[in-house]
Amino acid sequence: MPKTLVVGATGFVGGYLVRELESACHCVVQANFPEFNLLDREQVEKTVQDASPDYVVNLAAVSSVGQSWKDPVLTVDVNVKGTLHLLDAVQKFAPKAKTLLIGSAEEYAPKASPLKETDALEASNPYGITKIAQENFAELYRKKFGMKIVCTRSFNHTGVGQLLNFALPSFCKQVADIQKSGKPGKIFVGNLTAVRDFSDVEDVTHVYRMLLESENEYPVYNVGSGKAYSMRELLQMIIDLANVPIEVVQDPEKMRPVDIPYLCADNSRIKKFWRGTDIRETIQKMFSAFLNA
């Protein structure tokens, strides 16, 4: 039975990943904030030493682009410095373990067609910049120490339980609340012209497990559906689930300083692991969860 240390296990993705790993008979050790702090080097070292893991997954991050603009210094501290603390600890106390580092599609330079792992990187926000730095350090540690590190560039993923500072859960909750009121209402949104590749979080965590358990031909993998919709289309899918009139209002507070127009994955490298849940099915589950809350 492999032992897997999951850092950030109580986060949105963490809960799904723990279930995915346990269903495949992993012994999961959870390291969670605030009891576990990536910025505390001694604590990180002790956790890795005590766990003595076969696999390590780092889900702990400032993962919201919007939040990264509000506090770029914290974003760099957690996403870069924290990752280095973890890599140093693994190198020191679990040198044979494989580490999975979660990156983002926000690393890429804009492109009007599906992105391949070989395409140019040119992040346009603090979050994306930290994830490029994470990848660069991963490559350095592979070469310097011979560590087994695989990186993802994960595209948007969503599901029941995601925080409301992300677009789709925010849309679903607002529409569900209007539906429950039984009266016409307004929904407040950001940029609806952006086109994004959204996946079901369970499809994504399945790929994470498979990347841990499989031999990796490449150091970096896109994790996404390969299908992209405009935010306007996704919003309409949600509004269509309600039966009361809903007015869409753009909220300047929800607009980003810089927004990439189009993000879609070329998912050729993970295609054999991809389950392919339709995003409409995921949206329906999220909407129902808010409706029944």
Protein backbone atom coordinates (compact mmCIF):
# COMPACT_ATOMS: atom_id res chain seq x y z
CA MET A 1 0.00 0.00 0.00
CA PRO A 2 1.68 3.25 -1.12
CA LYS A 3 1.87 6.10 1.38
CA THR A 4 0.96 9.50 -0.05
CA LEU A 5 1.49 12.85 1.68
CA VAL A 6 -1.10 15.38 0.51
CA VAL A 7 -0.25 18.97 1.42
CA GLY A 8 -3.38 21.11 1.45
CA ALA A 9 -5.74 18.16 1.74
CA THR A 10 -8.63 20.13 3.24
CA GLY A 11 -8.87 22.49 0.28
CA PHE A 12 -11.43 22.13 -2.48
CA VAL A 13 -9.33 19.83 -4.67
CA GLY A 14 -7.74 18.13 -1.66
CA GLY A 15 -10.93 16.50 -0.45
CA TYR A 16 -11.57 15.00 -3.87
CA LEU A 17 -7.96 13.86 -4.25
CA VAL A 18 -7.92 12.16 -0.85
CA ARG A 19 -11.05 10.19 -1.81
CA GLU A 20 -9.52 9.29 -5.18
CA LEU A 21 -6.31 8.05 -3.57
CA GLU A 22 -8.06 6.12 -0.80
CA SER A 23 -10.31 4.43 -3.36
CA ALA A 24 -7.09 3.12 -4.95
CA CYS A 25 -5.79 1.86 -1.57
CA HIS A 26 -3.29 4.62 -0.86
CA CYS A 27 -2.50 5.33 2.77
CA VAL A 28 -3.02 9.09 2.81
CA VAL A 29 -1.25 11.41 5.24
CA GLN A 30 -2.87 14.86 5.30
CA ALA A 31 -0.94 18.05 6.03
CA ASN A 32 -3.25 21.02 6.44
CA PHE A 33 -3.07 24.72 7.26
CA PRO A 34 -3.03 26.19 9.89
CA GLU A 35 -1.60 23.19 11.81
CA PHE A 36 0.82 22.69 8.91
CA ASN A 37 2.41 25.81 7.39
CA LEU A 38 4.53 25.54 4.24
CA LEU A 39 6.41 28.67 5.28
CA ASP A 40 7.69 26.95 8.45
CA ARG A 41 10.73 25.05 7.19
CA GLU A 42 11.24 22.98 10.36
CA GLN A 43 7.61 21.95 10.44
CA VAL A 44 7.70 20.93 6.78
CA GLU A 45 10.83 18.85 7.35
CA LYS A 46 9.34 17.11 10.38
CA THR A 47 6.12 16.31 8.51
CA VAL A 48 7.96 14.76 5.58
CA GLN A 49 10.33 12.87 7.86
CA ASP A 50 7.48 11.47 9.98
CA ALA A 51 5.38 10.53 6.94
CA SER A 52 8.22 8.87 5.01
CA PRO A 53 6.01 8.96 1.89
CA ASP A 54 6.23 7.17 -1.45
CA TYR A 55 4.36 10.05 -3.10
CA VAL A 56 3.95 13.74 -2.27
CA VAL A 57 1.31 16.08 -3.71
CA ASN A 58 1.40 19.83 -3.12
CA LEU A 59 -2.07 21.38 -3.36
CA ALA A 60 -1.32 24.21 -0.93
CA ALA A 61 -1.25 27.50 -2.81
CA VAL A 62 -2.68 30.93 -3.28
CA SER A 63 -4.69 29.61 -6.22
CA SER A 64 -6.98 32.51 -7.12
CA VAL A 65 -5.74 34.91 -9.79
CA GLY A 66 -7.81 37.67 -8.20
CA GLN A 67 -6.28 37.00 -4.77
CA SER A 68 -2.80 37.00 -6.29
CA TRP A 69 -3.34 40.56 -7.52
CA LYS A 70 -4.53 41.64 -4.06
CA ASP A 71 -1.50 40.12 -2.30
CA PRO A 72 1.34 39.28 -4.70
CA VAL A 73 3.90 39.03 -1.88
CA LEU A 74 1.94 36.33 -0.05
CA THR A 75 1.39 34.57 -3.40
CA VAL A 76 5.15 34.42 -4.01
CA ASP A 77 5.83 33.31 -0.42
CA VAL A 78 3.36 30.42 -0.46
CA ASN A 79 3.68 29.29 -4.06
CA VAL A 80 7.45 29.58 -4.48
CA LYS A 81 9.10 29.70 -1.04
CA GLY A 82 6.65 27.14 0.36
CA THR A 83 7.25 24.78 -2.56
CA LEU A 84 11.01 25.08 -2.06
CA HIS A 85 10.63 24.18 1.62
CA LEU A 86 8.71 21.07 0.55
CA LEU A 87 11.18 20.04 -2.18
CA ASP A 88 14.11 20.51 0.20
CA ALA A 89 12.38 18.35 2.81
CA VAL A 90 11.57 15.60 0.30
CA GLN A 91 15.14 15.64 -1.03
CA LYS A 92 16.45 15.34 2.51
CA PHE A 93 14.05 12.85 4.10
CA ALA A 94 12.24 11.01 1.26
CA PRO A 95 14.62 11.19 -1.73
CA LYS A 96 12.97 8.27 -3.54
CA ALA A 97 9.46 9.74 -3.33
CA LYS A 98 7.73 11.11 -6.42
CA THR A 99 6.39 14.65 -6.02
CA LEU A 100 3.45 16.10 -7.95
CA LEU A 101 3.43 19.90 -8.20
CA ILE A 102 0.24 21.57 -9.42
CA GLY A 103 0.71 24.40 -11.91
CA SER A 104 -1.69 26.34 -14.07
CA ALA A 105 -2.77 27.25 -17.58
CA GLU A 106 -2.17 30.82 -16.42
CA GLU A 107 1.52 30.17 -17.12
CA TYR A 108 1.03 30.26 -20.89
CA ALA A 109 1.43 33.13 -23.32
CA PRO A 110 -1.92 33.93 -24.99
CA LYS A 111 -2.77 31.78 -27.99
CA ALA A 112 -5.99 31.45 -29.99
CA SER A 113 -5.83 27.64 -30.27
CA PRO A 114 -5.44 24.75 -27.79
CA LEU A 115 -2.20 25.06 -25.83
CA LYS A 116 0.51 22.41 -25.93
CA GLU A 117 3.11 21.89 -23.22
CA THR A 118 5.77 23.03 -25.71
CA ASP A 119 4.10 26.44 -26.23
CA ALA A 120 5.60 29.65 -24.87
CA LEU A 121 5.15 30.66 -21.22
CA GLU A 122 4.36 34.29 -20.45
CA ALA A 123 2.16 34.71 -17.39
CA SER A 124 0.11 37.90 -17.13
CA ASN A 125 -0.64 37.77 -13.38
CA PRO A 126 1.26 37.11 -10.13
CA TYR A 127 -0.26 33.64 -9.71
CA GLY A 128 0.91 32.46 -13.15
CA ILE A 129 4.38 33.89 -12.57
CA THR A 130 4.77 31.91 -9.33
CA LYS A 131 3.77 28.70 -11.09
CA ILE A 132 6.40 29.25 -13.81
CA ALA A 133 8.96 29.76 -11.03
CA GLN A 134 7.77 26.52 -9.39
CA GLU A 135 8.36 24.62 -12.64
CA ASN A 136 11.81 26.14 -13.06
CA PHE A 137 12.81 25.04 -9.58
CA ALA A 138 11.35 21.56 -10.23
CA GLU A 139 13.62 21.22 -13.27
CA LEU A 140 16.58 22.46 -11.25
CA TYR A 141 15.95 19.89 -8.50
CA ARG A 142 15.55 17.09 -11.05
CA LYS A 143 18.95 17.91 -12.51
CA LYS A 144 20.75 18.72 -9.26
CA PHE A 145 19.38 15.95 -7.04
CA GLY A 146 17.83 13.43 -9.45
CA MET A 147 14.43 13.91 -7.80
CA LYS A 148 11.25 12.49 -9.30
CA ILE A 149 9.07 15.55 -9.82
CA VAL A 150 6.15 15.83 -12.23
CA CYS A 151 4.39 19.14 -12.85
CA THR A 152 0.91 19.85 -14.14
CA ARG A 153 -0.45 22.86 -15.93
CA SER A 154 -4.01 22.49 -14.78
CA PHE A 155 -6.79 24.33 -16.57
CA ASN A 156 -9.96 25.51 -14.82
CA HIS A 157 -11.73 22.83 -12.80
CA THR A 158 -14.81 23.05 -10.65
CA GLY A 159 -17.33 21.08 -8.65
CA VAL A 160 -19.44 20.99 -5.51
CA GLY A 161 -17.62 22.69 -2.63
CA GLN A 162 -15.52 25.18 -4.58
CA LEU A 163 -15.19 28.61 -2.96
CA LEU A 164 -17.43 31.44 -4.11
CA ASN A 165 -14.51 33.63 -5.21
CA PHE A 166 -14.37 31.39 -8.30
CA ALA A 167 -16.73 32.20 -11.17
CA LEU A 168 -18.86 29.07 -11.66
CA PRO A 169 -19.77 28.42 -8.02
CA SER A 170 -20.55 32.14 -7.69
CA PHE A 171 -22.85 31.96 -10.72
CA CYS A 172 -24.51 28.78 -9.48
CA LYS A 173 -25.17 30.17 -6.00
CA GLN A 174 -26.54 33.47 -7.26
CA VAL A 175 -28.91 31.76 -9.72
CA ALA A 176 -29.96 29.16 -7.13
CA ASP A 177 -30.72 31.93 -4.60
CA ILE A 178 -32.87 33.76 -7.18
CA GLN A 179 -34.63 30.50 -8.02
CA LYS A 180 -35.35 29.84 -4.33
CA SER A 181 -36.80 33.34 -3.95
CA GLY A 182 -39.33 32.58 -6.67
CA LYS A 183 -38.95 36.15 -7.97
CA PRO A 184 -37.01 37.80 -10.83
CA GLY A 185 -33.49 38.75 -9.83
CA LYS A 186 -30.09 40.09 -10.86
CA ILE A 187 -26.80 38.21 -11.15
CA PHE A 188 -23.53 40.14 -10.83
CA VAL A 189 -20.66 38.95 -13.02
CA GLY A 190 -17.18 39.82 -14.29
CA ASN A 191 -15.80 39.42 -17.80
CA LEU A 192 -18.06 37.12 -19.83
CA THR A 193 -16.08 37.21 -23.07
CA ALA A 194 -13.18 35.11 -21.73
CA VAL A 195 -13.13 31.57 -23.14
CA ARG A 196 -12.08 28.82 -20.74
CA ASP A 197 -11.51 25.07 -20.61
CA PHE A 198 -13.46 23.84 -17.56
CA SER A 199 -13.28 20.30 -16.17
CA ASP A 200 -14.95 18.34 -13.41
CA VAL A 201 -12.68 18.25 -10.36
CA GLU A 202 -13.10 14.46 -10.11
CA ASP A 203 -11.69 14.02 -13.62
CA VAL A 204 -8.73 16.17 -12.63
CA THR A 205 -7.95 14.33 -9.39
CA HIS A 206 -8.12 11.01 -11.26
CA VAL A 207 -5.40 12.29 -13.61
CA TYR A 208 -3.32 13.40 -10.62
CA ARG A 209 -3.42 9.89 -9.19
CA MET A 210 -2.53 8.34 -12.53
CA LEU A 211 0.42 10.71 -12.94
CA LEU A 212 1.69 9.57 -9.54
CA GLU A 213 1.25 5.87 -10.22
CA SER A 214 2.45 5.80 -13.85
CA GLU A 215 5.85 6.18 -15.44
CA ASN A 216 6.09 9.75 -16.70
CA GLU A 217 7.32 10.27 -20.23
CA TYR A 218 7.34 14.04 -19.75
CA PRO A 219 8.13 16.43 -16.88
CA VAL A 220 5.01 18.57 -17.49
CA TYR A 221 1.39 17.67 -18.34
CA ASN A 222 -1.60 19.79 -19.27
CA VAL A 223 -4.65 18.71 -17.29
CA GLY A 224 -7.82 19.87 -18.99
CA SER A 225 -10.79 18.73 -21.07
CA GLY A 226 -9.73 20.07 -24.46
CA LYS A 227 -13.11 21.84 -24.76
CA ALA A 228 -13.59 25.57 -24.20
CA TYR A 229 -16.66 27.73 -23.63
CA SER A 230 -17.06 31.46 -23.14
CA MET A 231 -18.02 32.52 -19.65
CA ARG A 232 -21.23 33.85 -21.20
CA GLU A 233 -22.07 30.35 -22.51
CA LEU A 234 -21.33 28.79 -19.12
CA LEU A 235 -23.45 31.39 -17.36
CA GLN A 236 -26.31 30.70 -19.74
CA MET A 237 -26.09 26.97 -18.97
CA ILE A 238 -26.65 27.88 -15.31
CA ILE A 239 -29.42 30.42 -15.94
CA ASP A 240 -31.22 27.81 -18.06
CA LEU A 241 -31.56 25.65 -14.93
CA ALA A 242 -33.80 28.29 -13.32
CA ASN A 243 -37.39 29.14 -14.24
CA VAL A 244 -37.52 32.77 -13.10
CA PRO A 245 -36.33 35.85 -15.07
CA ILE A 246 -32.70 36.75 -14.36
CA GLU A 247 -30.95 39.98 -15.36
CA VAL A 248 -27.16 39.84 -15.89
CA VAL A 249 -25.25 42.84 -14.46
CA GLN A 250 -21.51 43.38 -14.94
CA ASP A 251 -19.72 44.22 -11.67
CA PRO A 252 -16.48 46.25 -12.07
CA GLU A 253 -15.21 44.69 -8.81
CA LYS A 254 -15.20 41.29 -10.48
CA MET A 255 -13.09 42.41 -13.47
CA ARG A 256 -9.40 41.41 -13.49
CA PRO A 257 -6.63 43.93 -14.31
CA VAL A 258 -5.46 41.60 -17.12
CA ASP A 259 -7.50 38.70 -18.48
CA ILE A 260 -6.34 36.16 -21.05
CA PRO A 261 -8.99 35.98 -23.82
CA TYR A 262 -8.73 32.23 -24.56
CA LEU A 263 -7.43 29.22 -22.62
CA CYS A 264 -7.95 25.67 -23.86
CA ALA A 265 -5.83 22.57 -23.28
CA ASP A 266 -4.30 20.26 -25.78
CA ASN A 267 -4.66 17.24 -23.49
CA SER A 268 -2.92 14.67 -25.71
CA ARG A 269 -0.41 13.69 -23.01
CA ILE A 270 -3.13 12.73 -20.47
CA LYS A 271 -5.81 11.56 -22.91
CA LYS A 272 -5.49 7.92 -21.82
CA PHE A 273 -6.35 8.94 -18.25
CA TRP A 274 -9.17 11.36 -19.09
CA ARG A 275 -12.73 10.46 -18.04
CA GLY A 276 -14.44 13.28 -19.94
CA THR A 277 -17.35 14.33 -17.73
CA ASP A 278 -19.53 16.88 -19.56
CA ILE A 279 -19.25 20.27 -17.82
CA ARG A 280 -23.06 20.55 -17.98
CA GLU A 281 -23.29 17.57 -15.65
CA THR A 282 -20.89 19.23 -13.21
CA ILE A 283 -22.84 22.50 -13.33
CA GLN A 284 -26.09 20.64 -12.65
CA LYS A 285 -24.59 19.04 -9.53
CA MET A 286 -23.29 22.38 -8.27
CA PHE A 287 -26.59 24.16 -8.91
CA SER A 288 -28.54 21.39 -7.16
CA ALA A 289 -26.21 21.56 -4.15
CA PHE A 290 -26.87 25.31 -3.73
CA LEU A 291 -30.58 24.85 -4.40
CA ASN A 292 -30.85 22.24 -1.65
CA ALA A 293 -28.57 24.01 0.84
